[in-house]
Amino acid sequence: MSLDLSLVGVATAPEAVQYTWKDVVLYALGVGAKASELDFLYEGRGPLVMPGFPVVLTFPGMLSLVGRTGGNLSMVVHGAERVVLHAPLPSSGRLFASAKIRGIYDLKRFAQVLVDSALRDERGELVAETTASIVFRGEGGFGGEPPPKEPPPVDRPKGEPPTFAVEEATSPEQALLYRLSGDLNPLHADPAFASAVGFERGPILHGLCTFGFMARHVARGACGGDATRVRALEAQFRRPVWPGETLVTEGWHVRSDAVAVQVRAKERDEVVIGGAWALLA
């Protein structure tokens, strides 16, 4: 099935996105938040909003554009994600989301669709931006251009031990919980579907769920637990994660306001997120 390259540059009209404190808390629980992070889980304290939460609000618009490309959605995986926060998100409210396909690129066996999204408030002020890299397995080889190389704002120092490491187990039900925030792809719930599309071990964890764990771990390791200091972060999803595996997030303080990051699955000692970074307030 060929992808519709004419969609490059196509943008959606701003669409109102309403959310409540319950959506904020559900997302926090989905990315592993514990009772010790009560500020993010209890409406009596806000709740505060996790730095990865914008992906929930931009997901519907991003998915609608990806669906229009004509690719086989059953063969989709998340390749990378970036979130930039321009202002703190309130614990509830209404924002306006828009999305645009930046490019459709040829990765030989795979095709990559890059979607930029923006969240603005009632005054039109930019609150947050996300960039999703969506990979269509088996859709490459159409003679298109490879994706442009964007140097990260910080690089992991070679040969140096990490400044911090945070280890945390995901639960066997982690994907079933995270999907309630909006990503209902059966790849993350249905063993028969997962096997049919090449994951015989069973449903995998959402890349964006691992992304949320990474953001929490960066806050713990680099910000003394203050997740509101995380202003931007990006992750490249290198390997799948299965619910129940233990994630180990390692960070290198490159500057006082920036860390290079990677995430390993402890049981396999395999890097599942690489090329990652976070910028801090």
C-alpha atoms as a PDB file:
ATOM      1  CA  MET A   1       0.000   0.000   0.000  1.00  0.00           C
ATOM      2  CA  SER A   2       1.522   3.324  -1.032  1.00  0.00           C
ATOM      3  CA  LEU A   3       1.523   6.387   1.194  1.00  0.00           C
ATOM      4  CA  ASP A   4      -0.101   9.609   0.028  1.00  0.00           C
ATOM      5  CA  LEU A   5       2.869  11.985  -0.234  1.00  0.00           C
ATOM      6  CA  SER A   6       0.584  14.897  -1.112  1.00  0.00           C
ATOM      7  CA  LEU A   7      -0.286  15.152   2.587  1.00  0.00           C
ATOM      8  CA  VAL A   8       3.137  16.604   3.418  1.00  0.00           C
ATOM      9  CA  GLY A   9       2.545  20.119   4.710  1.00  0.00           C
ATOM     10  CA  VAL A  10      -1.148  19.526   5.291  1.00  0.00           C
ATOM     11  CA  ALA A  11      -2.328  20.938   8.624  1.00  0.00           C
ATOM     12  CA  THR A  12      -5.478  20.410  10.642  1.00  0.00           C
ATOM     13  CA  ALA A  13      -7.597  23.329  11.811  1.00  0.00           C
ATOM     14  CA  PRO A  14      -7.278  24.080  15.556  1.00  0.00           C
ATOM     15  CA  GLU A  15      -9.652  21.843  17.473  1.00  0.00           C
ATOM     16  CA  ALA A  16     -10.770  22.360  21.054  1.00  0.00           C
ATOM     17  CA  VAL A  17      -9.483  19.732  23.491  1.00  0.00           C
ATOM     18  CA  GLN A  18     -11.192  19.617  26.868  1.00  0.00           C
ATOM     19  CA  TYR A  19      -9.646  17.726  29.777  1.00  0.00           C
ATOM     20  CA  THR A  20     -10.187  17.417  33.521  1.00  0.00           C
ATOM     21  CA  TRP A  21      -8.041  16.616  36.540  1.00  0.00           C
ATOM     22  CA  LYS A  22      -9.103  12.971  36.152  1.00  0.00           C
ATOM     23  CA  ASP A  23      -7.394  12.814  32.736  1.00  0.00           C
ATOM     24  CA  VAL A  24      -4.245  14.279  34.291  1.00  0.00           C
ATOM     25  CA  VAL A  25      -4.262  11.709  37.106  1.00  0.00           C
ATOM     26  CA  LEU A  26      -5.075   8.788  34.797  1.00  0.00           C
ATOM     27  CA  TYR A  27      -2.079   9.674  32.626  1.00  0.00           C
ATOM     28  CA  ALA A  28       0.192   9.940  35.674  1.00  0.00           C
ATOM     29  CA  LEU A  29      -0.909   6.491  36.874  1.00  0.00           C
ATOM     30  CA  GLY A  30      -0.448   5.130  33.354  1.00  0.00           C
ATOM     31  CA  VAL A  31       3.205   6.193  33.338  1.00  0.00           C
ATOM     32  CA  GLY A  32       3.855   4.642  36.730  1.00  0.00           C
ATOM     33  CA  ALA A  33       3.298   7.442  39.248  1.00  0.00           C
ATOM     34  CA  LYS A  34       3.260   6.242  42.866  1.00  0.00           C
ATOM     35  CA  ALA A  35       1.697   7.499  46.088  1.00  0.00           C
ATOM     36  CA  SER A  36       4.947   9.326  46.842  1.00  0.00           C
ATOM     37  CA  GLU A  37       4.110  11.554  43.840  1.00  0.00           C
ATOM     38  CA  LEU A  38       0.798  12.626  45.346  1.00  0.00           C
ATOM     39  CA  ASP A  39       0.981  16.140  43.871  1.00  0.00           C
ATOM     40  CA  PHE A  40       0.342  14.519  40.468  1.00  0.00           C
ATOM     41  CA  LEU A  41      -2.361  12.139  41.714  1.00  0.00           C
ATOM     42  CA  TYR A  42      -4.611  14.092  44.080  1.00  0.00           C
ATOM     43  CA  GLU A  43      -6.906  16.922  43.074  1.00  0.00           C
ATOM     44  CA  GLY A  44      -6.508  18.413  46.553  1.00  0.00           C
ATOM     45  CA  ARG A  45      -2.970  19.362  45.496  1.00  0.00           C
ATOM     46  CA  GLY A  46      -3.765  20.474  41.970  1.00  0.00           C
ATOM     47  CA  PRO A  47      -3.020  18.000  40.602  1.00  0.00           C
ATOM     48  CA  LEU A  48       0.240  18.985  38.911  1.00  0.00           C
ATOM     49  CA  VAL A  49       0.632  17.884  35.291  1.00  0.00           C
ATOM     50  CA  MET A  50       3.306  15.409  34.223  1.00  0.00           C
ATOM     51  CA  PRO A  51       5.637  16.796  31.511  1.00  0.00           C
ATOM     52  CA  GLY A  52       4.649  14.076  29.039  1.00  0.00           C
ATOM     53  CA  PHE A  53       0.911  14.808  29.264  1.00  0.00           C
ATOM     54  CA  PRO A  54       0.751  16.951  26.078  1.00  0.00           C
ATOM     55  CA  VAL A  55       1.093  13.752  24.013  1.00  0.00           C
ATOM     56  CA  VAL A  56      -2.383  12.759  25.227  1.00  0.00           C
ATOM     57  CA  LEU A  57      -3.927  16.013  24.016  1.00  0.00           C
ATOM     58  CA  THR A  58      -2.206  15.997  20.598  1.00  0.00           C
ATOM     59  CA  PHE A  59      -2.653  12.264  19.966  1.00  0.00           C
ATOM     60  CA  PRO A  60      -6.114  12.388  18.292  1.00  0.00           C
ATOM     61  CA  GLY A  61      -5.109  15.023  15.727  1.00  0.00           C
ATOM     62  CA  MET A  62      -1.811  13.299  15.017  1.00  0.00           C
ATOM     63  CA  LEU A  63      -3.523   9.942  14.544  1.00  0.00           C
ATOM     64  CA  SER A  64      -6.143  11.393  12.207  1.00  0.00           C
ATOM     65  CA  LEU A  65      -3.414  12.703   9.897  1.00  0.00           C
ATOM     66  CA  VAL A  66      -1.456   9.449  10.035  1.00  0.00           C
ATOM     67  CA  GLY A  67      -4.640   7.561   9.180  1.00  0.00           C
ATOM     68  CA  ARG A  68      -5.120   9.672   6.069  1.00  0.00           C
ATOM     69  CA  THR A  69      -1.715   8.628   4.638  1.00  0.00           C
ATOM     70  CA  GLY A  70      -3.135   5.315   3.401  1.00  0.00           C
ATOM     71  CA  GLY A  71      -0.620   3.180   5.275  1.00  0.00           C
ATOM     72  CA  ASN A  72      -1.514  -0.040   7.063  1.00  0.00           C
ATOM     73  CA  LEU A  73      -2.261   1.081  10.619  1.00  0.00           C
ATOM     74  CA  SER A  74      -1.927  -2.466  11.953  1.00  0.00           C
ATOM     75  CA  MET A  75       1.805  -2.254  11.128  1.00  0.00           C
ATOM     76  CA  VAL A  76       2.429   1.059  12.882  1.00  0.00           C
ATOM     77  CA  VAL A  77       4.903   1.557  15.733  1.00  0.00           C
ATOM     78  CA  HIS A  78       6.093   4.734  17.416  1.00  0.00           C
ATOM     79  CA  GLY A  79       9.619   5.661  16.348  1.00  0.00           C
ATOM     80  CA  ALA A  80      10.327   8.768  18.430  1.00  0.00           C
ATOM     81  CA  GLU A  81       8.631  11.562  20.353  1.00  0.00           C
ATOM     82  CA  ARG A  82       9.508  15.106  21.356  1.00  0.00           C
ATOM     83  CA  VAL A  83       7.657  17.374  23.790  1.00  0.00           C
ATOM     84  CA  VAL A  84       8.436  21.058  24.356  1.00  0.00           C
ATOM     85  CA  LEU A  85       6.620  22.891  27.158  1.00  0.00           C
ATOM     86  CA  HIS A  86       6.297  26.658  26.787  1.00  0.00           C
ATOM     87  CA  ALA A  87       4.075  27.174  29.826  1.00  0.00           C
ATOM     88  CA  PRO A  88       2.752  25.040  32.697  1.00  0.00           C
ATOM     89  CA  LEU A  89      -0.406  23.163  31.788  1.00  0.00           C
ATOM     90  CA  PRO A  90      -3.331  23.753  34.144  1.00  0.00           C
ATOM     91  CA  SER A  91      -4.809  20.712  35.877  1.00  0.00           C
ATOM     92  CA  SER A  92      -7.964  21.070  33.778  1.00  0.00           C
ATOM     93  CA  GLY A  93      -9.211  23.280  31.012  1.00  0.00           C
ATOM     94  CA  ARG A  94      -9.594  23.754  27.300  1.00  0.00           C
ATOM     95  CA  LEU A  95      -6.764  24.049  24.798  1.00  0.00           C
ATOM     96  CA  PHE A  96      -6.687  24.102  21.017  1.00  0.00           C
ATOM     97  CA  ALA A  97      -4.712  21.416  19.180  1.00  0.00           C
ATOM     98  CA  SER A  98      -3.493  21.517  15.589  1.00  0.00           C
ATOM     99  CA  ALA A  99      -1.242  19.136  13.672  1.00  0.00           C
ATOM    100  CA  LYS A 100       0.774  19.110  10.448  1.00  0.00           C
ATOM    101  CA  ILE A 101       2.654  16.411   8.555  1.00  0.00           C
ATOM    102  CA  ARG A 102       6.217  17.676   8.294  1.00  0.00           C
ATOM    103  CA  GLY A 103       7.411  14.876   6.024  1.00  0.00           C
ATOM    104  CA  ILE A 104       7.018  11.293   4.809  1.00  0.00           C
ATOM    105  CA  TYR A 105      10.400   9.623   4.536  1.00  0.00           C
ATOM    106  CA  ASP A 106      11.786   6.410   3.073  1.00  0.00           C
ATOM    107  CA  LEU A 107      13.690   4.132   5.472  1.00  0.00           C
ATOM    108  CA  LYS A 108      14.102   1.312   2.904  1.00  0.00           C
ATOM    109  CA  ARG A 109      12.072  -1.355   4.709  1.00  0.00           C
ATOM    110  CA  PHE A 110      10.041   1.160   6.702  1.00  0.00           C
ATOM    111  CA  ALA A 111       8.399   4.507   6.070  1.00  0.00           C
ATOM    112  CA  GLN A 112       8.475   7.360   8.580  1.00  0.00           C
ATOM    113  CA  VAL A 113       5.776   9.994   9.014  1.00  0.00           C
ATOM    114  CA  LEU A 114       6.726  13.052  11.082  1.00  0.00           C
ATOM    115  CA  VAL A 115       3.813  14.960  12.598  1.00  0.00           C
ATOM    116  CA  ASP A 116       4.246  18.296  14.401  1.00  0.00           C
ATOM    117  CA  SER A 117       1.471  19.337  16.773  1.00  0.00           C
ATOM    118  CA  ALA A 118       0.809  22.483  18.770  1.00  0.00           C
ATOM    119  CA  LEU A 119      -1.342  23.278  21.792  1.00  0.00           C
ATOM    120  CA  ARG A 120      -2.532  26.861  22.314  1.00  0.00           C
ATOM    121  CA  ASP A 121      -4.656  28.480  24.990  1.00  0.00           C
ATOM    122  CA  GLU A 122      -7.789  30.582  24.579  1.00  0.00           C
ATOM    123  CA  ARG A 123      -5.658  33.654  23.780  1.00  0.00           C
ATOM    124  CA  GLY A 124      -3.738  31.835  21.076  1.00  0.00           C
ATOM    125  CA  GLU A 125      -0.573  31.608  23.166  1.00  0.00           C
ATOM    126  CA  LEU A 126       1.585  28.544  22.525  1.00  0.00           C
ATOM    127  CA  VAL A 127       1.520  26.190  25.523  1.00  0.00           C
ATOM    128  CA  ALA A 128       3.227  23.045  24.207  1.00  0.00           C
ATOM    129  CA  GLU A 129       4.510  21.386  21.040  1.00  0.00           C
ATOM    130  CA  THR A 130       4.962  17.720  20.208  1.00  0.00           C
ATOM    131  CA  THR A 131       6.621  15.890  17.335  1.00  0.00           C
ATOM    132  CA  ALA A 132       5.706  12.264  16.693  1.00  0.00           C
ATOM    133  CA  SER A 133       7.714   9.932  14.475  1.00  0.00           C
ATOM    134  CA  ILE A 134       5.369   7.185  13.297  1.00  0.00           C
ATOM    135  CA  VAL A 135       6.906   4.186  11.548  1.00  0.00           C
ATOM    136  CA  PHE A 136       5.001   2.054   9.053  1.00  0.00           C
ATOM    137  CA  ARG A 137       6.680  -1.348   8.940  1.00  0.00           C
ATOM    138  CA  GLY A 138       6.868  -2.748   5.417  1.00  0.00           C
ATOM    139  CA  GLU A 139       5.925   0.535   3.698  1.00  0.00           C
ATOM    140  CA  GLY A 140       9.431   1.680   2.707  1.00  0.00           C
ATOM    141  CA  GLY A 141      11.252   1.378  -0.586  1.00  0.00           C
ATOM    142  CA  PHE A 142       9.060   3.892  -2.427  1.00  0.00           C
ATOM    143  CA  GLY A 143      12.011   5.970  -3.633  1.00  0.00           C
ATOM    144  CA  GLY A 144      11.493   8.846  -1.234  1.00  0.00           C
ATOM    145  CA  GLU A 145      14.025  10.926   0.643  1.00  0.00           C
ATOM    146  CA  PRO A 146      15.549   9.732   3.941  1.00  0.00           C
ATOM    147  CA  PRO A 147      14.637  11.777   7.014  1.00  0.00           C
ATOM    148  CA  PRO A 148      16.827  14.813   7.721  1.00  0.00           C
ATOM    149  CA  LYS A 149      19.360  14.433  10.512  1.00  0.00           C
ATOM    150  CA  GLU A 150      18.748  16.778  13.404  1.00  0.00           C
ATOM    151  CA  PRO A 151      21.633  17.001  15.884  1.00  0.00           C
ATOM    152  CA  PRO A 152      20.370  16.737  19.468  1.00  0.00           C
ATOM    153  CA  PRO A 153      20.891  19.734  21.765  1.00  0.00           C
ATOM    154  CA  VAL A 154      23.056  17.542  24.003  1.00  0.00           C
ATOM    155  CA  ASP A 155      25.090  14.378  23.379  1.00  0.00           C
ATOM    156  CA  ARG A 156      25.794  11.567  25.789  1.00  0.00           C
ATOM    157  CA  PRO A 157      29.431  11.765  26.955  1.00  0.00           C
ATOM    158  CA  LYS A 158      31.325   8.741  25.651  1.00  0.00           C
ATOM    159  CA  GLY A 159      32.942   6.472  28.207  1.00  0.00           C
ATOM    160  CA  GLU A 160      31.597   8.318  31.252  1.00  0.00           C
ATOM    161  CA  PRO A 161      29.375   6.680  33.875  1.00  0.00           C
ATOM    162  CA  PRO A 162      25.877   8.141  34.239  1.00  0.00           C
ATOM    163  CA  THR A 163      25.283  10.938  36.724  1.00  0.00           C
ATOM    164  CA  PHE A 164      22.133   9.211  37.927  1.00  0.00           C
ATOM    165  CA  ALA A 165      20.188   6.000  37.361  1.00  0.00           C
ATOM    166  CA  VAL A 166      16.567   5.309  38.284  1.00  0.00           C
ATOM    167  CA  GLU A 167      15.215   1.752  38.223  1.00  0.00           C
ATOM    168  CA  GLU A 168      11.510   0.919  38.259  1.00  0.00           C
ATOM    169  CA  ALA A 169       9.446  -2.108  37.287  1.00  0.00           C
ATOM    170  CA  THR A 170       6.432  -1.713  35.040  1.00  0.00           C
ATOM    171  CA  SER A 171       3.379  -3.788  35.918  1.00  0.00           C
ATOM    172  CA  PRO A 172       1.990  -6.620  33.758  1.00  0.00           C
ATOM    173  CA  GLU A 173      -1.108  -4.412  33.359  1.00  0.00           C
ATOM    174  CA  GLN A 174       0.809  -1.232  32.473  1.00  0.00           C
ATOM    175  CA  ALA A 175      -0.242  -1.085  28.809  1.00  0.00           C
ATOM    176  CA  LEU A 176      -3.865  -1.858  29.693  1.00  0.00           C
ATOM    177  CA  LEU A 177      -3.827   1.119  32.049  1.00  0.00           C
ATOM    178  CA  TYR A 178      -1.966   3.511  29.759  1.00  0.00           C
ATOM    179  CA  ARG A 179      -4.280   2.829  26.793  1.00  0.00           C
ATOM    180  CA  LEU A 180      -7.136   4.443  28.746  1.00  0.00           C
ATOM    181  CA  SER A 181      -5.431   7.774  28.021  1.00  0.00           C
ATOM    182  CA  GLY A 182      -6.400   7.386  24.367  1.00  0.00           C
ATOM    183  CA  ASP A 183      -4.097   5.048  22.415  1.00  0.00           C
ATOM    184  CA  LEU A 184      -6.388   2.043  21.898  1.00  0.00           C
ATOM    185  CA  ASN A 185      -4.161   0.193  19.393  1.00  0.00           C
ATOM    186  CA  PRO A 186      -4.849  -3.540  20.033  1.00  0.00           C
ATOM    187  CA  LEU A 187      -1.095  -4.145  19.720  1.00  0.00           C
ATOM    188  CA  HIS A 188      -0.953  -3.107  23.384  1.00  0.00           C
ATOM    189  CA  ALA A 189      -3.815  -5.313  24.607  1.00  0.00           C
ATOM    190  CA  ASP A 190      -4.634  -8.294  22.383  1.00  0.00           C
ATOM    191  CA  PRO A 191      -2.154 -11.225  22.358  1.00  0.00           C
ATOM    192  CA  ALA A 192      -3.600 -12.651  19.127  1.00  0.00           C
ATOM    193  CA  PHE A 193      -3.304  -9.302  17.340  1.00  0.00           C
ATOM    194  CA  ALA A 194       0.240  -8.747  18.623  1.00  0.00           C
ATOM    195  CA  SER A 195       1.314 -12.174  17.371  1.00  0.00           C
ATOM    196  CA  ALA A 196      -0.315 -11.607  13.978  1.00  0.00           C
ATOM    197  CA  VAL A 197       1.720  -8.431  13.407  1.00  0.00           C
ATOM    198  CA  GLY A 198       5.036  -9.928  14.461  1.00  0.00           C
ATOM    199  CA  PHE A 199       5.168  -9.691  18.274  1.00  0.00           C
ATOM    200  CA  GLU A 200       4.813 -13.334  19.244  1.00  0.00           C
ATOM    201  CA  ARG A 201       5.776 -12.671  22.852  1.00  0.00           C
ATOM    202  CA  GLY A 202       2.583 -10.675  23.258  1.00  0.00           C
ATOM    203  CA  PRO A 203       1.343  -7.081  23.529  1.00  0.00           C
ATOM    204  CA  ILE A 204       4.057  -4.454  23.909  1.00  0.00           C
ATOM    205  CA  LEU A 205       4.090  -1.347  26.056  1.00  0.00           C
ATOM    206  CA  HIS A 206       3.239   1.900  24.304  1.00  0.00           C
ATOM    207  CA  GLY A 207       6.362   3.825  23.370  1.00  0.00           C
ATOM    208  CA  LEU A 208       4.687   6.880  24.862  1.00  0.00           C
ATOM    209  CA  CYS A 209       4.236   5.013  28.137  1.00  0.00           C
ATOM    210  CA  THR A 210       7.974   4.295  28.280  1.00  0.00           C
ATOM    211  CA  PHE A 211       8.468   7.967  27.377  1.00  0.00           C
ATOM    212  CA  GLY A 212       6.383   8.975  30.391  1.00  0.00           C
ATOM    213  CA  PHE A 213       8.404   6.703  32.684  1.00  0.00           C
ATOM    214  CA  MET A 214      11.572   8.310  31.321  1.00  0.00           C
ATOM    215  CA  ALA A 215      10.238  11.804  32.044  1.00  0.00           C
ATOM    216  CA  ARG A 216       9.404  10.859  35.649  1.00  0.00           C
ATOM    217  CA  HIS A 217      12.823   9.290  36.106  1.00  0.00           C
ATOM    218  CA  VAL A 218      14.573  12.383  34.755  1.00  0.00           C
ATOM    219  CA  ALA A 219      12.590  14.487  37.217  1.00  0.00           C
ATOM    220  CA  ARG A 220      13.623  12.183  40.062  1.00  0.00           C
ATOM    221  CA  GLY A 221      17.263  11.873  39.072  1.00  0.00           C
ATOM    222  CA  ALA A 222      17.962  15.401  37.835  1.00  0.00           C
ATOM    223  CA  CYS A 223      15.354  17.647  39.473  1.00  0.00           C
ATOM    224  CA  GLY A 224      14.936  16.264  42.967  1.00  0.00           C
ATOM    225  CA  GLY A 225      11.521  14.909  41.992  1.00  0.00           C
ATOM    226  CA  ASP A 226      10.195  18.238  40.694  1.00  0.00           C
ATOM    227  CA  ALA A 227       8.735  17.177  37.343  1.00  0.00           C
ATOM    228  CA  THR A 228       7.575  20.746  36.655  1.00  0.00           C
ATOM    229  CA  ARG A 229      11.224  21.632  35.924  1.00  0.00           C
ATOM    230  CA  VAL A 230      11.286  19.388  32.826  1.00  0.00           C
ATOM    231  CA  ARG A 231      10.764  21.794  29.893  1.00  0.00           C
ATOM    232  CA  ALA A 232      11.572  19.618  26.880  1.00  0.00           C
ATOM    233  CA  LEU A 233      12.466  16.032  26.184  1.00  0.00           C
ATOM    234  CA  GLU A 234      12.921  13.667  23.282  1.00  0.00           C
ATOM    235  CA  ALA A 235      13.257   9.899  22.980  1.00  0.00           C
ATOM    236  CA  GLN A 236      14.013   7.499  20.154  1.00  0.00           C
ATOM    237  CA  PHE A 237      12.363   4.122  20.659  1.00  0.00           C
ATOM    238  CA  ARG A 238      14.992   1.513  19.786  1.00  0.00           C
ATOM    239  CA  ARG A 239      13.421  -1.733  21.044  1.00  0.00           C
ATOM    240  CA  PRO A 240       9.976  -2.795  22.275  1.00  0.00           C
ATOM    241  CA  VAL A 241       9.216  -3.057  25.984  1.00  0.00           C
ATOM    242  CA  TRP A 242       6.916  -5.737  27.376  1.00  0.00           C
ATOM    243  CA  PRO A 243       4.672  -4.956  30.353  1.00  0.00           C
ATOM    244  CA  GLY A 244       6.251  -6.253  33.532  1.00  0.00           C
ATOM    245  CA  GLU A 245       9.806  -5.489  32.495  1.00  0.00           C
ATOM    246  CA  THR A 246      12.031  -3.260  34.619  1.00  0.00           C
ATOM    247  CA  LEU A 247      13.129   0.069  33.161  1.00  0.00           C
ATOM    248  CA  VAL A 248      16.476   1.601  34.093  1.00  0.00           C
ATOM    249  CA  THR A 249      16.806   5.274  33.103  1.00  0.00           C
ATOM    250  CA  GLU A 250      20.374   6.595  33.049  1.00  0.00           C
ATOM    251  CA  GLY A 251      21.199  10.287  32.746  1.00  0.00           C
ATOM    252  CA  TRP A 252      24.326  12.334  32.130  1.00  0.00           C
ATOM    253  CA  HIS A 253      24.392  15.979  33.261  1.00  0.00           C
ATOM    254  CA  VAL A 254      25.899  17.696  30.223  1.00  0.00           C
ATOM    255  CA  ARG A 255      24.956  21.167  31.474  1.00  0.00           C
ATOM    256  CA  SER A 256      23.139  22.445  34.523  1.00  0.00           C
ATOM    257  CA  ASP A 257      19.994  22.718  32.395  1.00  0.00           C
ATOM    258  CA  ALA A 258      20.403  19.647  30.182  1.00  0.00           C
ATOM    259  CA  VAL A 259      20.843  15.888  30.490  1.00  0.00           C
ATOM    260  CA  ALA A 260      21.503  13.140  27.966  1.00  0.00           C
ATOM    261  CA  VAL A 261      19.399  10.056  28.643  1.00  0.00           C
ATOM    262  CA  GLN A 262      18.996   6.408  27.760  1.00  0.00           C
ATOM    263  CA  VAL A 263      16.623   3.717  29.044  1.00  0.00           C
ATOM    264  CA  ARG A 264      17.431   0.016  29.327  1.00  0.00           C
ATOM    265  CA  ALA A 265      15.222  -3.027  29.888  1.00  0.00           C
ATOM    266  CA  LYS A 266      17.009  -4.535  32.892  1.00  0.00           C
ATOM    267  CA  GLU A 267      16.074  -8.157  32.275  1.00  0.00           C
ATOM    268  CA  ARG A 268      17.561  -8.088  28.754  1.00  0.00           C
ATOM    269  CA  ASP A 269      20.196  -5.415  29.443  1.00  0.00           C
ATOM    270  CA  GLU A 270      19.045  -3.885  26.174  1.00  0.00           C
ATOM    271  CA  VAL A 271      18.701  -0.196  25.330  1.00  0.00           C
ATOM    272  CA  VAL A 272      15.038   0.497  24.547  1.00  0.00           C
ATOM    273  CA  ILE A 273      15.317   4.310  24.384  1.00  0.00           C
ATOM    274  CA  GLY A 274      18.419   5.947  22.952  1.00  0.00           C
ATOM    275  CA  GLY A 275      19.397   9.330  21.567  1.00  0.00           C
ATOM    276  CA  ALA A 276      17.322  10.883  24.321  1.00  0.00           C
ATOM    277  CA  TRP A 277      17.692  14.193  26.127  1.00  0.00           C
ATOM    278  CA  ALA A 278      15.889  16.560  28.440  1.00  0.00           C
ATOM    279  CA  LEU A 279      16.110  20.305  29.000  1.00  0.00           C
ATOM    280  CA  LEU A 280      15.408  21.634  32.485  1.00  0.00           C
ATOM    281  CA  ALA A 281      14.189  24.908  33.929  1.00  0.00           C
END
